[in-house]
Amino acid sequence: MTSYFDEKAEQVDTGHLVAFGIKIISRYSKAGELIEMLSFAKKAALAGVADSVEEVFYDSNACFCTFKFNGDIVLGDPIERRIFAAAKETISQFEWMGCIHHRDEEDEY
């Protein structure tokens, strides 16, 4: 019998998709990670910065998310601040400009 909650057990049929033009990938196809990244993509789109984000990758093994950008993102510029704000609202743990950050509220997905 398969346990859907084992470390490397896939919980959804696909571990990657595209939402709001952003490629979304969960290393081990974890539902909660995909939910967080979909929420991030929606927030980024509503903030008008989804086109600045190429990819969001949740490393299920390391338990944090990373981002790839379309072009250079400069710390402190308005686009960077809006992307960062979207991540702080939606992603449990993520790497940003060399530092690990956490979602503002620890809501359980």
C-alpha atoms as a PDB file:
ATOM      1  CA  MET A   1       0.000   0.000   0.000  1.00  0.00           C
ATOM      2  CA  THR A   2       1.365   3.392  -0.998  1.00  0.00           C
ATOM      3  CA  SER A   3       1.592   6.126   1.610  1.00  0.00           C
ATOM      4  CA  TYR A   4       1.018   9.545   0.067  1.00  0.00           C
ATOM      5  CA  PHE A   5       2.843  11.121   3.003  1.00  0.00           C
ATOM      6  CA  ASP A   6       6.221   9.407   2.622  1.00  0.00           C
ATOM      7  CA  GLU A   7       9.063  11.825   1.896  1.00  0.00           C
ATOM      8  CA  LYS A   8       9.292  11.105  -1.830  1.00  0.00           C
ATOM      9  CA  ALA A   9       5.705   9.998  -2.466  1.00  0.00           C
ATOM     10  CA  GLU A  10       3.949  12.070  -5.136  1.00  0.00           C
ATOM     11  CA  GLN A  11       0.660  13.590  -3.983  1.00  0.00           C
ATOM     12  CA  VAL A  12      -0.450  15.008  -7.330  1.00  0.00           C
ATOM     13  CA  ASP A  13      -0.194  13.661 -10.857  1.00  0.00           C
ATOM     14  CA  THR A  14       2.096  16.411 -12.094  1.00  0.00           C
ATOM     15  CA  GLY A  15       4.879  18.201 -10.278  1.00  0.00           C
ATOM     16  CA  HIS A  16       5.065  21.150 -12.650  1.00  0.00           C
ATOM     17  CA  LEU A  17       2.706  23.497 -14.428  1.00  0.00           C
ATOM     18  CA  VAL A  18       2.461  27.068 -15.660  1.00  0.00           C
ATOM     19  CA  ALA A  19       0.251  29.623 -13.897  1.00  0.00           C
ATOM     20  CA  PHE A  20       0.043  33.303 -14.829  1.00  0.00           C
ATOM     21  CA  GLY A  21       3.032  32.708 -17.117  1.00  0.00           C
ATOM     22  CA  ILE A  22       5.206  31.387 -14.273  1.00  0.00           C
ATOM     23  CA  LYS A  23       6.615  27.849 -14.428  1.00  0.00           C
ATOM     24  CA  ILE A  24       5.840  26.115 -11.105  1.00  0.00           C
ATOM     25  CA  ILE A  25       7.745  23.004 -10.023  1.00  0.00           C
ATOM     26  CA  SER A  26       7.596  20.838  -6.882  1.00  0.00           C
ATOM     27  CA  ARG A  27      10.512  18.392  -6.699  1.00  0.00           C
ATOM     28  CA  TYR A  28       8.387  15.604  -5.206  1.00  0.00           C
ATOM     29  CA  SER A  29       4.963  16.771  -6.491  1.00  0.00           C
ATOM     30  CA  LYS A  30       3.691  17.839  -3.051  1.00  0.00           C
ATOM     31  CA  ALA A  31       0.185  19.292  -3.042  1.00  0.00           C
ATOM     32  CA  GLY A  32       0.891  21.880  -0.330  1.00  0.00           C
ATOM     33  CA  GLU A  33       3.930  23.201  -2.195  1.00  0.00           C
ATOM     34  CA  LEU A  34       1.932  23.532  -5.411  1.00  0.00           C
ATOM     35  CA  ILE A  35      -0.833  25.351  -3.519  1.00  0.00           C
ATOM     36  CA  GLU A  36       1.677  27.835  -2.099  1.00  0.00           C
ATOM     37  CA  MET A  37       3.294  28.442  -5.485  1.00  0.00           C
ATOM     38  CA  LEU A  38      -0.084  28.849  -7.221  1.00  0.00           C
ATOM     39  CA  SER A  39      -1.056  31.387  -4.565  1.00  0.00           C
ATOM     40  CA  PHE A  40       2.251  33.170  -5.131  1.00  0.00           C
ATOM     41  CA  ALA A  41       1.717  33.254  -8.902  1.00  0.00           C
ATOM     42  CA  LYS A  42      -1.751  34.750  -8.453  1.00  0.00           C
ATOM     43  CA  LYS A  43      -0.444  37.415  -6.019  1.00  0.00           C
ATOM     44  CA  ALA A  44       2.416  38.245  -8.396  1.00  0.00           C
ATOM     45  CA  ALA A  45      -0.040  38.586 -11.293  1.00  0.00           C
ATOM     46  CA  LEU A  46      -2.359  40.820  -9.248  1.00  0.00           C
ATOM     47  CA  ALA A  47       0.673  42.963  -8.328  1.00  0.00           C
ATOM     48  CA  GLY A  48       1.594  43.232 -12.013  1.00  0.00           C
ATOM     49  CA  VAL A  49       4.950  41.470 -11.687  1.00  0.00           C
ATOM     50  CA  ALA A  50       4.248  37.886 -12.856  1.00  0.00           C
ATOM     51  CA  ASP A  51       6.041  38.572 -16.139  1.00  0.00           C
ATOM     52  CA  SER A  52       9.227  39.259 -14.143  1.00  0.00           C
ATOM     53  CA  VAL A  53       9.203  35.722 -12.663  1.00  0.00           C
ATOM     54  CA  GLU A  54      10.277  32.877 -14.945  1.00  0.00           C
ATOM     55  CA  GLU A  55      10.116  29.944 -12.504  1.00  0.00           C
ATOM     56  CA  VAL A  56       9.311  29.014  -8.925  1.00  0.00           C
ATOM     57  CA  PHE A  57      10.859  25.759  -7.672  1.00  0.00           C
ATOM     58  CA  TYR A  58      10.024  24.129  -4.352  1.00  0.00           C
ATOM     59  CA  ASP A  59      12.809  21.803  -3.258  1.00  0.00           C
ATOM     60  CA  SER A  60      10.749  19.282  -1.324  1.00  0.00           C
ATOM     61  CA  ASN A  61      13.881  17.701   0.119  1.00  0.00           C
ATOM     62  CA  ALA A  62      15.395  20.954   1.432  1.00  0.00           C
ATOM     63  CA  CYS A  63      11.946  22.408   2.331  1.00  0.00           C
ATOM     64  CA  PHE A  64      12.367  25.777   0.651  1.00  0.00           C
ATOM     65  CA  CYS A  65      11.422  27.567  -2.542  1.00  0.00           C
ATOM     66  CA  THR A  66      13.669  29.345  -5.054  1.00  0.00           C
ATOM     67  CA  PHE A  67      12.902  31.764  -7.879  1.00  0.00           C
ATOM     68  CA  LYS A  68      14.276  32.404 -11.375  1.00  0.00           C
ATOM     69  CA  PHE A  69      13.616  35.810 -12.848  1.00  0.00           C
ATOM     70  CA  ASN A  70      13.192  37.185 -16.353  1.00  0.00           C
ATOM     71  CA  GLY A  71      16.038  39.695 -16.409  1.00  0.00           C
ATOM     72  CA  ASP A  72      17.834  41.267 -13.491  1.00  0.00           C
ATOM     73  CA  ILE A  73      15.968  41.914 -10.269  1.00  0.00           C
ATOM     74  CA  VAL A  74      17.664  44.534  -8.107  1.00  0.00           C
ATOM     75  CA  LEU A  75      17.244  44.490  -4.348  1.00  0.00           C
ATOM     76  CA  GLY A  76      15.053  47.394  -3.279  1.00  0.00           C
ATOM     77  CA  ASP A  77      13.557  48.279  -6.661  1.00  0.00           C
ATOM     78  CA  PRO A  78       9.736  48.401  -6.915  1.00  0.00           C
ATOM     79  CA  ILE A  79       9.432  45.157  -8.903  1.00  0.00           C
ATOM     80  CA  GLU A  80      11.647  43.266  -6.450  1.00  0.00           C
ATOM     81  CA  ARG A  81       9.628  44.586  -3.487  1.00  0.00           C
ATOM     82  CA  ARG A  82       6.302  43.479  -5.041  1.00  0.00           C
ATOM     83  CA  ILE A  83       7.621  39.995  -5.869  1.00  0.00           C
ATOM     84  CA  PHE A  84       9.083  39.678  -2.373  1.00  0.00           C
ATOM     85  CA  ALA A  85       5.782  40.798  -0.804  1.00  0.00           C
ATOM     86  CA  ALA A  86       3.899  38.148  -2.801  1.00  0.00           C
ATOM     87  CA  ALA A  87       6.356  35.495  -1.576  1.00  0.00           C
ATOM     88  CA  LYS A  88       6.073  36.658   2.055  1.00  0.00           C
ATOM     89  CA  GLU A  89       2.296  36.281   1.862  1.00  0.00           C
ATOM     90  CA  THR A  90       2.247  32.812   0.299  1.00  0.00           C
ATOM     91  CA  ILE A  91       5.458  30.745   0.545  1.00  0.00           C
ATOM     92  CA  SER A  92       6.292  28.944   3.824  1.00  0.00           C
ATOM     93  CA  GLN A  93      10.065  29.100   3.385  1.00  0.00           C
ATOM     94  CA  PHE A  94      12.043  30.568   0.504  1.00  0.00           C
ATOM     95  CA  GLU A  95      15.504  31.766  -0.502  1.00  0.00           C
ATOM     96  CA  TRP A  96      15.684  35.430  -1.441  1.00  0.00           C
ATOM     97  CA  MET A  97      18.878  37.220  -2.442  1.00  0.00           C
ATOM     98  CA  GLY A  98      20.994  34.747  -0.464  1.00  0.00           C
ATOM     99  CA  CYS A  99      18.852  34.668   2.713  1.00  0.00           C
ATOM    100  CA  ILE A 100      16.112  32.325   3.879  1.00  0.00           C
ATOM    101  CA  HIS A 101      12.740  33.951   4.622  1.00  0.00           C
ATOM    102  CA  HIS A 102       9.407  32.666   5.930  1.00  0.00           C
ATOM    103  CA  ARG A 103       5.783  33.443   5.230  1.00  0.00           C
ATOM    104  CA  ASP A 104       4.447  36.254   7.432  1.00  0.00           C
ATOM    105  CA  GLU A 105       1.659  34.171   8.925  1.00  0.00           C
ATOM    106  CA  GLU A 106       2.134  30.508   9.623  1.00  0.00           C
ATOM    107  CA  ASP A 107      -1.189  29.410   8.160  1.00  0.00           C
ATOM    108  CA  GLU A 108      -1.370  25.698   7.408  1.00  0.00           C
ATOM    109  CA  TYR A 109      -2.232  24.834   3.800  1.00  0.00           C
END
